[in-house]
Amino acid sequence: MLREIFKQVSYRDSPYKDIYYLTDTEIRFSIYNQDKFITISLRVENDRYIVYGFETTKNNTIIRHKSEQIDSIDFFWIWYNNFYNNLL
């Protein structure tokens, strides 16, 4: 799952920045929305996929944080869209 998501976010002129991929362990990427910075991290923990979302300001103050276990790439993107679209 991590490899497929990596392929989906790492393309030329992608809106996703700071893409970090550690094979079979974690993928992390960021996206900017106006004055907010969104960081998403998907990690393998205890044989489960856990997604974390962080919304921060320019000075790295965390506005909100959310995490959840996911089971598929489709659910990852649903979770991501819900997190992204619920910006304060």
PDB file of N, CA and C in Angstrom:
ATOM      1  N   MET A   1       0.823  -1.188   0.000  1.00  0.00           N
ATOM      2  CA  MET A   1       0.000   0.000   0.000  1.00  0.00           C
ATOM      3  C   MET A   1       0.870   1.256   0.000  1.00  0.00           C
ATOM      4  N   LEU A   2       1.932   1.265   0.782  1.00  0.00           N
ATOM      5  CA  LEU A   2       2.795   2.448   0.860  1.00  0.00           C
ATOM      6  C   LEU A   2       3.410   2.778  -0.498  1.00  0.00           C
ATOM      7  N   ARG A   3       3.852   1.760  -1.192  1.00  0.00           N
ATOM      8  CA  ARG A   3       4.474   1.969  -2.500  1.00  0.00           C
ATOM      9  C   ARG A   3       3.489   2.572  -3.500  1.00  0.00           C
ATOM     10  N   GLU A   4       2.256   2.098  -3.498  1.00  0.00           N
ATOM     11  CA  GLU A   4       1.250   2.618  -4.414  1.00  0.00           C
ATOM     12  C   GLU A   4       0.913   4.077  -4.105  1.00  0.00           C
ATOM     13  N   ILE A   5       0.798   4.413  -2.840  1.00  0.00           N
ATOM     14  CA  ILE A   5       0.530   5.801  -2.478  1.00  0.00           C
ATOM     15  C   ILE A   5       1.714   6.680  -2.843  1.00  0.00           C
ATOM     16  N   PHE A   6       2.921   6.175  -2.638  1.00  0.00           N
ATOM     17  CA  PHE A   6       4.119   6.912  -3.044  1.00  0.00           C
ATOM     18  C   PHE A   6       4.064   7.235  -4.540  1.00  0.00           C
ATOM     19  N   LYS A   7       3.684   6.270  -5.344  1.00  0.00           N
ATOM     20  CA  LYS A   7       3.582   6.496  -6.790  1.00  0.00           C
ATOM     21  C   LYS A   7       2.517   7.548  -7.119  1.00  0.00           C
ATOM     22  N   GLN A   8       1.456   7.584  -6.334  1.00  0.00           N
ATOM     23  CA  GLN A   8       0.365   8.508  -6.592  1.00  0.00           C
ATOM     24  C   GLN A   8       0.696   9.947  -6.199  1.00  0.00           C
ATOM     25  N   VAL A   9       1.620  10.149  -5.251  1.00  0.00           N
ATOM     26  CA  VAL A   9       1.928  11.510  -4.802  1.00  0.00           C
ATOM     27  C   VAL A   9       3.237  12.054  -5.363  1.00  0.00           C
ATOM     28  N   SER A  10       4.099  11.193  -5.861  1.00  0.00           N
ATOM     29  CA  SER A  10       5.422  11.660  -6.298  1.00  0.00           C
ATOM     30  C   SER A  10       5.533  11.677  -7.815  1.00  0.00           C
ATOM     31  N   TYR A  11       5.017  12.717  -8.395  1.00  0.00           N
ATOM     32  CA  TYR A  11       5.119  12.908  -9.830  1.00  0.00           C
ATOM     33  C   TYR A  11       5.541  14.351 -10.093  1.00  0.00           C
ATOM     34  N   ARG A  12       5.972  14.614 -11.281  1.00  0.00           N
ATOM     35  CA  ARG A  12       6.451  15.949 -11.638  1.00  0.00           C
ATOM     36  C   ARG A  12       5.359  16.991 -11.405  1.00  0.00           C
ATOM     37  N   ASP A  13       5.729  18.102 -10.784  1.00  0.00           N
ATOM     38  CA  ASP A  13       4.821  19.208 -10.468  1.00  0.00           C
ATOM     39  C   ASP A  13       3.684  18.801  -9.531  1.00  0.00           C
ATOM     40  N   SER A  14       3.921  17.813  -8.709  1.00  0.00           N
ATOM     41  CA  SER A  14       2.941  17.368  -7.722  1.00  0.00           C
ATOM     42  C   SER A  14       2.692  18.475  -6.694  1.00  0.00           C
ATOM     43  N   PRO A  15       1.455  18.625  -6.215  1.00  0.00           N
ATOM     44  CA  PRO A  15       1.191  19.609  -5.157  1.00  0.00           C
ATOM     45  C   PRO A  15       1.741  19.153  -3.811  1.00  0.00           C
ATOM     46  N   TYR A  16       2.103  17.880  -3.715  1.00  0.00           N
ATOM     47  CA  TYR A  16       2.633  17.332  -2.475  1.00  0.00           C
ATOM     48  C   TYR A  16       4.126  17.607  -2.390  1.00  0.00           C
ATOM     49  N   LYS A  17       4.565  18.033  -1.222  1.00  0.00           N
ATOM     50  CA  LYS A  17       5.971  18.405  -1.013  1.00  0.00           C
ATOM     51  C   LYS A  17       6.570  17.565   0.103  1.00  0.00           C
ATOM     52  N   ASP A  18       7.867  17.647   0.248  1.00  0.00           N
ATOM     53  CA  ASP A  18       8.586  16.972   1.327  1.00  0.00           C
ATOM     54  C   ASP A  18       8.214  15.492   1.413  1.00  0.00           C
ATOM     55  N   ILE A  19       8.191  14.837   0.279  1.00  0.00           N
ATOM     56  CA  ILE A  19       7.790  13.427   0.234  1.00  0.00           C
ATOM     57  C   ILE A  19       8.928  12.569   0.783  1.00  0.00           C
ATOM     58  N   TYR A  20       8.575  11.748   1.753  1.00  0.00           N
ATOM     59  CA  TYR A  20       9.535  10.850   2.403  1.00  0.00           C
ATOM     60  C   TYR A  20       8.944   9.452   2.327  1.00  0.00           C
ATOM     61  N   TYR A  21       9.740   8.514   1.824  1.00  0.00           N
ATOM     62  CA  TYR A  21       9.257   7.143   1.691  1.00  0.00           C
ATOM     63  C   TYR A  21      10.318   6.204   2.230  1.00  0.00           C
ATOM     64  N   LEU A  22       9.960   5.472   3.254  1.00  0.00           N
ATOM     65  CA  LEU A  22      10.832   4.442   3.817  1.00  0.00           C
ATOM     66  C   LEU A  22      10.166   3.105   3.500  1.00  0.00           C
ATOM     67  N   THR A  23      10.766   2.343   2.629  1.00  0.00           N
ATOM     68  CA  THR A  23      10.171   1.132   2.077  1.00  0.00           C
ATOM     69  C   THR A  23       9.516   0.263   3.145  1.00  0.00           C
ATOM     70  N   ASP A  24       8.263  -0.055   2.906  1.00  0.00           N
ATOM     71  CA  ASP A  24       7.469  -0.961   3.746  1.00  0.00           C
ATOM     72  C   ASP A  24       7.331  -0.521   5.197  1.00  0.00           C
ATOM     73  N   THR A  25       7.624   0.756   5.487  1.00  0.00           N
ATOM     74  CA  THR A  25       7.527   1.241   6.860  1.00  0.00           C
ATOM     75  C   THR A  25       6.705   2.516   6.970  1.00  0.00           C
ATOM     76  N   GLU A  26       6.993   3.510   6.121  1.00  0.00           N
ATOM     77  CA  GLU A  26       6.316   4.796   6.250  1.00  0.00           C
ATOM     78  C   GLU A  26       6.372   5.582   4.947  1.00  0.00           C
ATOM     79  N   ILE A  27       5.315   6.341   4.714  1.00  0.00           N
ATOM     80  CA  ILE A  27       5.326   7.382   3.695  1.00  0.00           C
ATOM     81  C   ILE A  27       4.790   8.643   4.364  1.00  0.00           C
ATOM     82  N   ARG A  28       5.424   9.758   4.055  1.00  0.00           N
ATOM     83  CA  ARG A  28       5.025  11.040   4.641  1.00  0.00           C
ATOM     84  C   ARG A  28       5.113  12.098   3.547  1.00  0.00           C
ATOM     85  N   PHE A  29       4.142  13.000   3.530  1.00  0.00           N
ATOM     86  CA  PHE A  29       4.172  14.100   2.569  1.00  0.00           C
ATOM     87  C   PHE A  29       3.410  15.280   3.143  1.00  0.00           C
ATOM     88  N   SER A  30       3.630  16.431   2.540  1.00  0.00           N
ATOM     89  CA  SER A  30       3.005  17.670   3.006  1.00  0.00           C
ATOM     90  C   SER A  30       2.352  18.390   1.843  1.00  0.00           C
ATOM     91  N   ILE A  31       1.419  19.255   2.203  1.00  0.00           N
ATOM     92  CA  ILE A  31       0.769  20.111   1.221  1.00  0.00           C
ATOM     93  C   ILE A  31       0.424  21.420   1.923  1.00  0.00           C
ATOM     94  N   TYR A  32       0.532  22.496   1.180  1.00  0.00           N
ATOM     95  CA  TYR A  32       0.236  23.818   1.724  1.00  0.00           C
ATOM     96  C   TYR A  32      -1.174  24.225   1.318  1.00  0.00           C
ATOM     97  N   ASN A  33      -1.891  24.838   2.242  1.00  0.00           N
ATOM     98  CA  ASN A  33      -3.223  25.369   1.943  1.00  0.00           C
ATOM     99  C   ASN A  33      -3.306  26.746   2.580  1.00  0.00           C
ATOM    100  N   GLN A  34      -3.192  27.778   1.770  1.00  0.00           N
ATOM    101  CA  GLN A  34      -3.181  29.165   2.216  1.00  0.00           C
ATOM    102  C   GLN A  34      -2.076  29.354   3.254  1.00  0.00           C
ATOM    103  N   ASP A  35      -2.414  29.615   4.490  1.00  0.00           N
ATOM    104  CA  ASP A  35      -1.393  29.843   5.512  1.00  0.00           C
ATOM    105  C   ASP A  35      -1.205  28.625   6.418  1.00  0.00           C
ATOM    106  N   LYS A  36      -1.781  27.489   6.029  1.00  0.00           N
ATOM    107  CA  LYS A  36      -1.675  26.273   6.835  1.00  0.00           C
ATOM    108  C   LYS A  36      -0.823  25.235   6.118  1.00  0.00           C
ATOM    109  N   PHE A  37      -0.222  24.377   6.905  1.00  0.00           N
ATOM    110  CA  PHE A  37       0.681  23.346   6.427  1.00  0.00           C
ATOM    111  C   PHE A  37       0.105  22.011   6.887  1.00  0.00           C
ATOM    112  N   ILE A  38      -0.181  21.113   5.951  1.00  0.00           N
ATOM    113  CA  ILE A  38      -0.762  19.812   6.268  1.00  0.00           C
ATOM    114  C   ILE A  38       0.306  18.743   6.049  1.00  0.00           C
ATOM    115  N   THR A  39       0.525  17.909   7.051  1.00  0.00           N
ATOM    116  CA  THR A  39       1.458  16.794   6.930  1.00  0.00           C
ATOM    117  C   THR A  39       0.689  15.502   7.177  1.00  0.00           C
ATOM    118  N   ILE A  40       0.864  14.556   6.272  1.00  0.00           N
ATOM    119  CA  ILE A  40       0.217  13.250   6.366  1.00  0.00           C
ATOM    120  C   ILE A  40       1.307  12.194   6.471  1.00  0.00           C
ATOM    121  N   SER A  41       1.135  11.279   7.407  1.00  0.00           N
ATOM    122  CA  SER A  41       2.080  10.189   7.579  1.00  0.00           C
ATOM    123  C   SER A  41       1.299   8.882   7.670  1.00  0.00           C
ATOM    124  N   LEU A  42       1.655   7.925   6.830  1.00  0.00           N
ATOM    125  CA  LEU A  42       1.063   6.589   6.879  1.00  0.00           C
ATOM    126  C   LEU A  42       2.164   5.632   7.289  1.00  0.00           C
ATOM    127  N   ARG A  43       1.936   4.923   8.384  1.00  0.00           N
ATOM    128  CA  ARG A  43       2.975   4.055   8.950  1.00  0.00           C
ATOM    129  C   ARG A  43       2.443   2.647   9.176  1.00  0.00           C
ATOM    130  N   VAL A  44       3.349   1.695   9.101  1.00  0.00           N
ATOM    131  CA  VAL A  44       3.029   0.324   9.477  1.00  0.00           C
ATOM    132  C   VAL A  44       3.437   0.175  10.944  1.00  0.00           C
ATOM    133  N   GLU A  45       2.446  -0.107  11.789  1.00  0.00           N
ATOM    134  CA  GLU A  45       2.683  -0.278  13.220  1.00  0.00           C
ATOM    135  C   GLU A  45       1.977  -1.548  13.676  1.00  0.00           C
ATOM    136  N   ASN A  46       2.744  -2.495  14.181  1.00  0.00           N
ATOM    137  CA  ASN A  46       2.168  -3.764  14.661  1.00  0.00           C
ATOM    138  C   ASN A  46       1.298  -4.430  13.598  1.00  0.00           C
ATOM    139  N   ASP A  47       1.823  -4.496  12.383  1.00  0.00           N
ATOM    140  CA  ASP A  47       1.147  -5.127  11.246  1.00  0.00           C
ATOM    141  C   ASP A  47      -0.175  -4.453  10.873  1.00  0.00           C
ATOM    142  N   ARG A  48      -0.326  -3.188  11.208  1.00  0.00           N
ATOM    143  CA  ARG A  48      -1.511  -2.406  10.836  1.00  0.00           C
ATOM    144  C   ARG A  48      -1.041  -1.115  10.191  1.00  0.00           C
ATOM    145  N   TYR A  49      -1.894  -0.557   9.335  1.00  0.00           N
ATOM    146  CA  TYR A  49      -1.607   0.738   8.724  1.00  0.00           C
ATOM    147  C   TYR A  49      -2.319   1.815   9.536  1.00  0.00           C
ATOM    148  N   ILE A  50      -1.537   2.776  10.031  1.00  0.00           N
ATOM    149  CA  ILE A  50      -2.072   3.886  10.804  1.00  0.00           C
ATOM    150  C   ILE A  50      -1.731   5.173  10.059  1.00  0.00           C
ATOM    151  N   VAL A  51      -2.748   5.997   9.816  1.00  0.00           N
ATOM    152  CA  VAL A  51      -2.524   7.279   9.147  1.00  0.00           C
ATOM    153  C   VAL A  51      -2.637   8.383  10.194  1.00  0.00           C
ATOM    154  N   TYR A  52      -1.719   9.347  10.098  1.00  0.00           N
ATOM    155  CA  TYR A  52      -1.687  10.504  10.988  1.00  0.00           C
ATOM    156  C   TYR A  52      -1.788  11.758  10.137  1.00  0.00           C
ATOM    157  N   GLY A  53      -2.550  12.709  10.604  1.00  0.00           N
ATOM    158  CA  GLY A  53      -2.644  13.997   9.932  1.00  0.00           C
ATOM    159  C   GLY A  53      -2.361  15.111  10.918  1.00  0.00           C
ATOM    160  N   PHE A  54      -1.562  16.074  10.492  1.00  0.00           N
ATOM    161  CA  PHE A  54      -1.217  17.224  11.320  1.00  0.00           C
ATOM    162  C   PHE A  54      -1.480  18.495  10.520  1.00  0.00           C
ATOM    163  N   GLU A  55      -2.141  19.431  11.136  1.00  0.00           N
ATOM    164  CA  GLU A  55      -2.334  20.743  10.549  1.00  0.00           C
ATOM    165  C   GLU A  55      -1.561  21.728  11.421  1.00  0.00           C
ATOM    166  N   THR A  56      -0.644  22.453  10.814  1.00  0.00           N
ATOM    167  CA  THR A  56       0.181  23.398  11.566  1.00  0.00           C
ATOM    168  C   THR A  56       0.162  24.762  10.888  1.00  0.00           C
ATOM    169  N   THR A  57       0.592  25.753  11.635  1.00  0.00           N
ATOM    170  CA  THR A  57       0.735  27.103  11.094  1.00  0.00           C
ATOM    171  C   THR A  57       2.151  27.264  10.573  1.00  0.00           C
ATOM    172  N   LYS A  58       2.432  28.430  10.015  1.00  0.00           N
ATOM    173  CA  LYS A  58       3.775  28.698   9.486  1.00  0.00           C
ATOM    174  C   LYS A  58       4.855  28.603  10.550  1.00  0.00           C
ATOM    175  N   ASN A  59       4.525  28.895  11.806  1.00  0.00           N
ATOM    176  CA  ASN A  59       5.531  28.828  12.873  1.00  0.00           C
ATOM    177  C   ASN A  59       5.493  27.487  13.613  1.00  0.00           C
ATOM    178  N   ASN A  60       4.944  26.441  12.950  1.00  0.00           N
ATOM    179  CA  ASN A  60       4.918  25.062  13.448  1.00  0.00           C
ATOM    180  C   ASN A  60       4.060  24.840  14.683  1.00  0.00           C
ATOM    181  N   THR A  61       3.078  25.685  14.904  1.00  0.00           N
ATOM    182  CA  THR A  61       2.124  25.462  15.977  1.00  0.00           C
ATOM    183  C   THR A  61       1.072  24.477  15.480  1.00  0.00           C
ATOM    184  N   ILE A  62       0.893  23.369  16.196  1.00  0.00           N
ATOM    185  CA  ILE A  62      -0.083  22.367  15.780  1.00  0.00           C
ATOM    186  C   ILE A  62      -1.487  22.873  16.083  1.00  0.00           C
ATOM    187  N   ILE A  63      -2.300  22.927  15.044  1.00  0.00           N
ATOM    188  CA  ILE A  63      -3.688  23.356  15.180  1.00  0.00           C
ATOM    189  C   ILE A  63      -4.567  22.152  15.509  1.00  0.00           C
ATOM    190  N   ARG A  64      -4.311  21.052  14.802  1.00  0.00           N
ATOM    191  CA  ARG A  64      -5.061  19.829  15.091  1.00  0.00           C
ATOM    192  C   ARG A  64      -4.282  18.612  14.622  1.00  0.00           C
ATOM    193  N   HIS A  65      -4.683  17.476  15.150  1.00  0.00           N
ATOM    194  CA  HIS A  65      -4.038  16.199  14.866  1.00  0.00           C
ATOM    195  C   HIS A  65      -5.121  15.132  14.852  1.00  0.00           C
ATOM    196  N   LYS A  66      -5.000  14.202  13.929  1.00  0.00           N
ATOM    197  CA  LYS A  66      -5.960  13.114  13.861  1.00  0.00           C
ATOM    198  C   LYS A  66      -5.240  11.866  13.387  1.00  0.00           C
ATOM    199  N   SER A  67      -5.650  10.703  13.880  1.00  0.00           N
ATOM    200  CA  SER A  67      -5.068   9.444  13.421  1.00  0.00           C
ATOM    201  C   SER A  67      -6.159   8.381  13.375  1.00  0.00           C
ATOM    202  N   GLU A  68      -5.906   7.366  12.543  1.00  0.00           N
ATOM    203  CA  GLU A  68      -6.887   6.291  12.398  1.00  0.00           C
ATOM    204  C   GLU A  68      -6.236   5.104  11.706  1.00  0.00           C
ATOM    205  N   GLN A  69      -6.715   3.924  12.006  1.00  0.00           N
ATOM    206  CA  GLN A  69      -6.271   2.733  11.303  1.00  0.00           C
ATOM    207  C   GLN A  69      -7.023   2.656   9.980  1.00  0.00           C
ATOM    208  N   ILE A  70      -6.307   2.300   8.913  1.00  0.00           N
ATOM    209  CA  ILE A  70      -6.942   2.153   7.604  1.00  0.00           C
ATOM    210  C   ILE A  70      -6.624   0.780   7.039  1.00  0.00           C
ATOM    211  N   ASP A  71      -7.454   0.357   6.072  1.00  0.00           N
ATOM    212  CA  ASP A  71      -7.305  -0.989   5.520  1.00  0.00           C
ATOM    213  C   ASP A  71      -7.055  -1.035   4.024  1.00  0.00           C
ATOM    214  N   SER A  72      -7.191   0.121   3.345  1.00  0.00           N
ATOM    215  CA  SER A  72      -7.027   0.098   1.893  1.00  0.00           C
ATOM    216  C   SER A  72      -6.583   1.470   1.388  1.00  0.00           C
ATOM    217  N   ILE A  73      -6.107   1.484   0.167  1.00  0.00           N
ATOM    218  CA  ILE A  73      -5.705   2.747  -0.463  1.00  0.00           C
ATOM    219  C   ILE A  73      -6.916   3.646  -0.634  1.00  0.00           C
ATOM    220  N   ASP A  74      -8.039   3.075  -1.027  1.00  0.00           N
ATOM    221  CA  ASP A  74      -9.252   3.882  -1.195  1.00  0.00           C
ATOM    222  C   ASP A  74      -9.650   4.550   0.119  1.00  0.00           C
ATOM    223  N   PHE A  75      -9.602   3.796   1.217  1.00  0.00           N
ATOM    224  CA  PHE A  75      -9.953   4.385   2.507  1.00  0.00           C
ATOM    225  C   PHE A  75      -8.937   5.448   2.919  1.00  0.00           C
ATOM    226  N   PHE A  76      -7.660   5.255   2.558  1.00  0.00           N
ATOM    227  CA  PHE A  76      -6.655   6.276   2.839  1.00  0.00           C
ATOM    228  C   PHE A  76      -7.045   7.600   2.189  1.00  0.00           C
ATOM    229  N   TRP A  77      -7.406   7.565   0.911  1.00  0.00           N
ATOM    230  CA  TRP A  77      -7.746   8.802   0.199  1.00  0.00           C
ATOM    231  C   TRP A  77      -9.050   9.411   0.710  1.00  0.00           C
ATOM    232  N   ILE A  78     -10.010   8.584   1.120  1.00  0.00           N
ATOM    233  CA  ILE A  78     -11.227   9.114   1.750  1.00  0.00           C
ATOM    234  C   ILE A  78     -10.866   9.824   3.046  1.00  0.00           C
ATOM    235  N   TRP A  79     -10.024   9.184   3.863  1.00  0.00           N
ATOM    236  CA  TRP A  79      -9.589   9.781   5.127  1.00  0.00           C
ATOM    237  C   TRP A  79      -8.849  11.095   4.866  1.00  0.00           C
ATOM    238  N   TYR A  80      -7.934  11.070   3.911  1.00  0.00           N
ATOM    239  CA  TYR A  80      -7.165  12.267   3.558  1.00  0.00           C
ATOM    240  C   TYR A  80      -8.091  13.400   3.130  1.00  0.00           C
ATOM    241  N   ASN A  81      -9.025  13.127   2.233  1.00  0.00           N
ATOM    242  CA  ASN A  81      -9.952  14.156   1.755  1.00  0.00           C
ATOM    243  C   ASN A  81     -10.798  14.730   2.885  1.00  0.00           C
ATOM    244  N   ASN A  82     -11.263  13.887   3.789  1.00  0.00           N
ATOM    245  CA  ASN A  82     -12.021  14.372   4.936  1.00  0.00           C
ATOM    246  C   ASN A  82     -11.162  15.263   5.827  1.00  0.00           C
ATOM    247  N   PHE A  83      -9.930  14.846   6.075  1.00  0.00           N
ATOM    248  CA  PHE A  83      -9.021  15.660   6.916  1.00  0.00           C
ATOM    249  C   PHE A  83      -8.728  16.993   6.232  1.00  0.00           C
ATOM    250  N   TYR A  84      -8.387  16.939   4.971  1.00  0.00           N
ATOM    251  CA  TYR A  84      -8.025  18.155   4.225  1.00  0.00           C
ATOM    252  C   TYR A  84      -9.209  19.116   4.101  1.00  0.00           C
ATOM    253  N   ASN A  85     -10.374  18.595   3.843  1.00  0.00           N
ATOM    254  CA  ASN A  85     -11.552  19.439   3.629  1.00  0.00           C
ATOM    255  C   ASN A  85     -12.154  19.982   4.910  1.00  0.00           C
ATOM    256  N   ASN A  86     -11.718  19.504   6.059  1.00  0.00           N
ATOM    257  CA  ASN A  86     -12.217  20.005   7.337  1.00  0.00           C
ATOM    258  C   ASN A  86     -11.234  20.957   7.998  1.00  0.00           C
ATOM    259  N   LEU A  87     -10.504  21.726   7.199  1.00  0.00           N
ATOM    260  CA  LEU A  87      -9.566  22.702   7.750  1.00  0.00           C
ATOM    261  C   LEU A  87     -10.330  23.755   8.516  1.00  0.00           C
ATOM    262  N   LEU A  88      -9.721  24.211   9.574  1.00  0.00           N
ATOM    263  CA  LEU A  88     -10.367  25.249  10.397  1.00  0.00           C
ATOM    264  C   LEU A  88     -10.403  26.570   9.685  1.00  0.00           C
TER     265      LEU A  88
END
